[in-house]
Every structure is written in C-alpha cells, then in structure tokens.
Amino acid sequence: MANDEPLNQRIRQVLSKRERVSERKMFGGVCFMINGNMCIGTWKGSLIVRLDKKHHDETLAEPFTKPADMNGRVMKGWALVEPAGIESENDLTVWVDRAARFAESLPPK
C-alpha cells in the first residue's frame, strides 16, 4: 500500500489558503472536505478528485485520469488521477483548485 502522507502534505499546502477545510479518513486514505462537502483525496498513491457529474466523460478523457472505481463500482463525478499526472506542483494545484471550486459551489453541510 502506498504511503500517501507526502501527497497529503502537498494537498494541505494548496488548500491552506481556503476556508472551512477539514480532513476525514475515507477510502483507505484521506479525504479533504470543504464546507462539509467531499472535495479531493488520496488513494493508493493517486489523487481522487470530485468534479461536476455533467463533465464526467470529458474529465476521464484527460491525460493520466481513469474512473474512480472503489469496491468494483465506478463513482460518477469522481476521477482518479495517476501519480504521473500530479508530479509537478502546478499539475497538482490545477487538480486541487478544480475540485475545491466544485466543492465550494455546493451548499454547505
């Protein structure tokens, strides 16, 4: 099993300027929440991102992405970004900011 803590630290750094961010253990990794809404997380060395379901197919057409398949069921509106897609700080920031903007667009819980 991958040690996701270095990736978690990188995500924390990107999210540090945002408000109402919390963390919860989920999916065998860490899930970052904004306003109580699931936003982004780590899973087995990859990034799992929550984005608008309307753009699910377009997101999966992007490089280094694949369906978020947890326990044999694809989660629509979520994508898994492989480590190669988040190697640079810029690439990671783009994904984290996209997921954060979507989570912030949802009603607070």
C-alpha atoms as a PDB file:
ATOM      1  CA  MET A   1       0.000   0.000   0.000  1.00  0.00           C
ATOM      2  CA  ALA A   2       1.314   3.442  -0.910  1.00  0.00           C
ATOM      3  CA  ASN A   3       2.319   5.951   1.713  1.00  0.00           C
ATOM      4  CA  ASP A   4       0.078   8.883   0.807  1.00  0.00           C
ATOM      5  CA  GLU A   5       1.327  11.247   3.519  1.00  0.00           C
ATOM      6  CA  PRO A   6       3.721  13.175   1.230  1.00  0.00           C
ATOM      7  CA  LEU A   7       0.838  13.711  -1.214  1.00  0.00           C
ATOM      8  CA  ASN A   8      -1.487  14.685   1.653  1.00  0.00           C
ATOM      9  CA  GLN A   9       1.065  17.316   2.722  1.00  0.00           C
ATOM     10  CA  ARG A  10       1.212  18.725  -0.798  1.00  0.00           C
ATOM     11  CA  ILE A  11      -2.601  18.933  -0.902  1.00  0.00           C
ATOM     12  CA  ARG A  12      -2.691  20.632   2.516  1.00  0.00           C
ATOM     13  CA  GLN A  13      -0.296  23.267   1.188  1.00  0.00           C
ATOM     14  CA  VAL A  14      -2.524  24.010  -1.824  1.00  0.00           C
ATOM     15  CA  LEU A  15      -5.689  24.113   0.320  1.00  0.00           C
ATOM     16  CA  SER A  16      -4.103  26.240   3.079  1.00  0.00           C
ATOM     17  CA  LYS A  17      -5.484  29.476   1.607  1.00  0.00           C
ATOM     18  CA  ARG A  18      -9.063  28.194   1.543  1.00  0.00           C
ATOM     19  CA  GLU A  19     -11.576  28.342   4.373  1.00  0.00           C
ATOM     20  CA  ARG A  20     -13.587  25.582   6.063  1.00  0.00           C
ATOM     21  CA  VAL A  21     -11.259  22.761   5.018  1.00  0.00           C
ATOM     22  CA  SER A  22     -11.331  19.581   7.078  1.00  0.00           C
ATOM     23  CA  GLU A  23      -9.975  16.067   6.710  1.00  0.00           C
ATOM     24  CA  ARG A  24     -11.502  12.656   7.199  1.00  0.00           C
ATOM     25  CA  LYS A  25     -10.154   9.151   6.756  1.00  0.00           C
ATOM     26  CA  MET A  26     -12.031   7.589   3.865  1.00  0.00           C
ATOM     27  CA  PHE A  27     -11.477   5.121   1.000  1.00  0.00           C
ATOM     28  CA  GLY A  28      -8.403   3.811   2.833  1.00  0.00           C
ATOM     29  CA  GLY A  29      -6.811   7.258   2.542  1.00  0.00           C
ATOM     30  CA  VAL A  30      -7.564  10.852   3.477  1.00  0.00           C
ATOM     31  CA  CYS A  31     -10.459  12.852   2.063  1.00  0.00           C
ATOM     32  CA  PHE A  32     -10.324  16.644   2.206  1.00  0.00           C
ATOM     33  CA  MET A  33     -13.660  18.366   2.690  1.00  0.00           C
ATOM     34  CA  ILE A  34     -14.710  21.958   2.036  1.00  0.00           C
ATOM     35  CA  ASN A  35     -17.824  23.277   3.783  1.00  0.00           C
ATOM     36  CA  GLY A  36     -18.544  19.663   4.746  1.00  0.00           C
ATOM     37  CA  ASN A  37     -18.566  18.523   1.098  1.00  0.00           C
ATOM     38  CA  MET A  38     -16.153  15.884  -0.148  1.00  0.00           C
ATOM     39  CA  CYS A  39     -13.582  17.519  -2.411  1.00  0.00           C
ATOM     40  CA  ILE A  40     -10.382  15.592  -3.014  1.00  0.00           C
ATOM     41  CA  GLY A  41      -8.426  12.769  -1.501  1.00  0.00           C
ATOM     42  CA  THR A  42      -5.596  10.315  -1.755  1.00  0.00           C
ATOM     43  CA  TRP A  43      -5.896   6.645  -2.534  1.00  0.00           C
ATOM     44  CA  LYS A  44      -3.058   4.198  -3.099  1.00  0.00           C
ATOM     45  CA  GLY A  45      -0.669   6.879  -4.356  1.00  0.00           C
ATOM     46  CA  SER A  46      -3.205   8.511  -6.674  1.00  0.00           C
ATOM     47  CA  LEU A  47      -5.395  11.554  -6.346  1.00  0.00           C
ATOM     48  CA  ILE A  48      -9.155  11.113  -6.261  1.00  0.00           C
ATOM     49  CA  VAL A  49     -10.998  14.262  -7.314  1.00  0.00           C
ATOM     50  CA  ARG A  50     -14.653  15.230  -7.174  1.00  0.00           C
ATOM     51  CA  LEU A  51     -15.921  17.239 -10.114  1.00  0.00           C
ATOM     52  CA  ASP A  52     -19.266  18.014 -11.694  1.00  0.00           C
ATOM     53  CA  LYS A  53     -21.006  14.838 -12.924  1.00  0.00           C
ATOM     54  CA  LYS A  54     -22.034  16.705 -16.092  1.00  0.00           C
ATOM     55  CA  HIS A  55     -18.385  16.708 -17.185  1.00  0.00           C
ATOM     56  CA  HIS A  56     -17.525  13.158 -16.115  1.00  0.00           C
ATOM     57  CA  ASP A  57     -16.685  11.857 -19.601  1.00  0.00           C
ATOM     58  CA  GLU A  58     -14.617  14.925 -20.506  1.00  0.00           C
ATOM     59  CA  THR A  59     -12.640  14.608 -17.289  1.00  0.00           C
ATOM     60  CA  LEU A  60     -11.893  10.952 -17.979  1.00  0.00           C
ATOM     61  CA  ALA A  61     -10.601  11.882 -21.432  1.00  0.00           C
ATOM     62  CA  GLU A  62      -7.831  13.978 -19.850  1.00  0.00           C
ATOM     63  CA  PRO A  63      -4.305  12.556 -19.559  1.00  0.00           C
ATOM     64  CA  PHE A  64      -3.485  10.368 -16.551  1.00  0.00           C
ATOM     65  CA  THR A  65      -7.118  10.013 -15.453  1.00  0.00           C
ATOM     66  CA  LYS A  66      -9.233   6.923 -15.040  1.00  0.00           C
ATOM     67  CA  PRO A  67     -12.572   6.117 -13.443  1.00  0.00           C
ATOM     68  CA  ALA A  68     -12.703   6.150  -9.654  1.00  0.00           C
ATOM     69  CA  ASP A  69     -13.586   2.527  -9.069  1.00  0.00           C
ATOM     70  CA  MET A  70     -13.865   1.798  -5.371  1.00  0.00           C
ATOM     71  CA  ASN A  71     -15.004  -1.676  -4.455  1.00  0.00           C
ATOM     72  CA  GLY A  72     -15.995  -2.570  -8.020  1.00  0.00           C
ATOM     73  CA  ARG A  73     -18.306   0.386  -8.632  1.00  0.00           C
ATOM     74  CA  VAL A  74     -17.393   3.446 -10.699  1.00  0.00           C
ATOM     75  CA  MET A  75     -18.244   6.668  -8.891  1.00  0.00           C
ATOM     76  CA  LYS A  76     -19.629   9.117 -11.449  1.00  0.00           C
ATOM     77  CA  GLY A  77     -18.413  12.651 -10.817  1.00  0.00           C
ATOM     78  CA  TRP A  78     -15.120  11.364  -9.453  1.00  0.00           C
ATOM     79  CA  ALA A  79     -11.850  10.636 -11.239  1.00  0.00           C
ATOM     80  CA  LEU A  80      -8.612   9.019 -10.224  1.00  0.00           C
ATOM     81  CA  VAL A  81      -5.519  10.968 -11.297  1.00  0.00           C
ATOM     82  CA  GLU A  82      -2.462   8.762 -11.582  1.00  0.00           C
ATOM     83  CA  PRO A  83       0.816   9.854  -9.932  1.00  0.00           C
ATOM     84  CA  ALA A  84       2.298  10.864 -13.311  1.00  0.00           C
ATOM     85  CA  GLY A  85      -0.488  13.459 -13.651  1.00  0.00           C
ATOM     86  CA  ILE A  86       0.371  15.214 -10.378  1.00  0.00           C
ATOM     87  CA  GLU A  87       4.166  15.088 -10.293  1.00  0.00           C
ATOM     88  CA  SER A  88       4.632  18.832 -10.642  1.00  0.00           C
ATOM     89  CA  GLU A  89       3.280  21.299  -8.118  1.00  0.00           C
ATOM     90  CA  ASN A  90       1.486  23.111 -10.945  1.00  0.00           C
ATOM     91  CA  ASP A  91      -0.312  19.952 -12.096  1.00  0.00           C
ATOM     92  CA  LEU A  92      -1.368  19.114  -8.538  1.00  0.00           C
ATOM     93  CA  THR A  93      -2.543  22.685  -7.916  1.00  0.00           C
ATOM     94  CA  VAL A  94      -4.696  22.653 -11.056  1.00  0.00           C
ATOM     95  CA  TRP A  95      -6.492  19.467  -9.934  1.00  0.00           C
ATOM     96  CA  VAL A  96      -6.891  20.588  -6.310  1.00  0.00           C
ATOM     97  CA  ASP A  97      -8.222  24.008  -7.346  1.00  0.00           C
ATOM     98  CA  ARG A  98     -10.721  22.446  -9.775  1.00  0.00           C
ATOM     99  CA  ALA A  99     -12.061  20.115  -7.100  1.00  0.00           C
ATOM    100  CA  ALA A 100     -12.098  22.884  -4.486  1.00  0.00           C
ATOM    101  CA  ARG A 101     -14.086  25.237  -6.729  1.00  0.00           C
ATOM    102  CA  PHE A 102     -16.648  22.499  -7.314  1.00  0.00           C
ATOM    103  CA  ALA A 103     -16.937  21.684  -3.596  1.00  0.00           C
ATOM    104  CA  GLU A 104     -17.313  25.389  -2.796  1.00  0.00           C
ATOM    105  CA  SER A 105     -20.172  25.629  -5.326  1.00  0.00           C
ATOM    106  CA  LEU A 106     -22.221  23.111  -3.318  1.00  0.00           C
ATOM    107  CA  PRO A 107     -24.464  24.087  -0.390  1.00  0.00           C
ATOM    108  CA  PRO A 108     -22.588  23.834   2.941  1.00  0.00           C
ATOM    109  CA  LYS A 109     -23.380  20.818   5.090  1.00  0.00           C
END
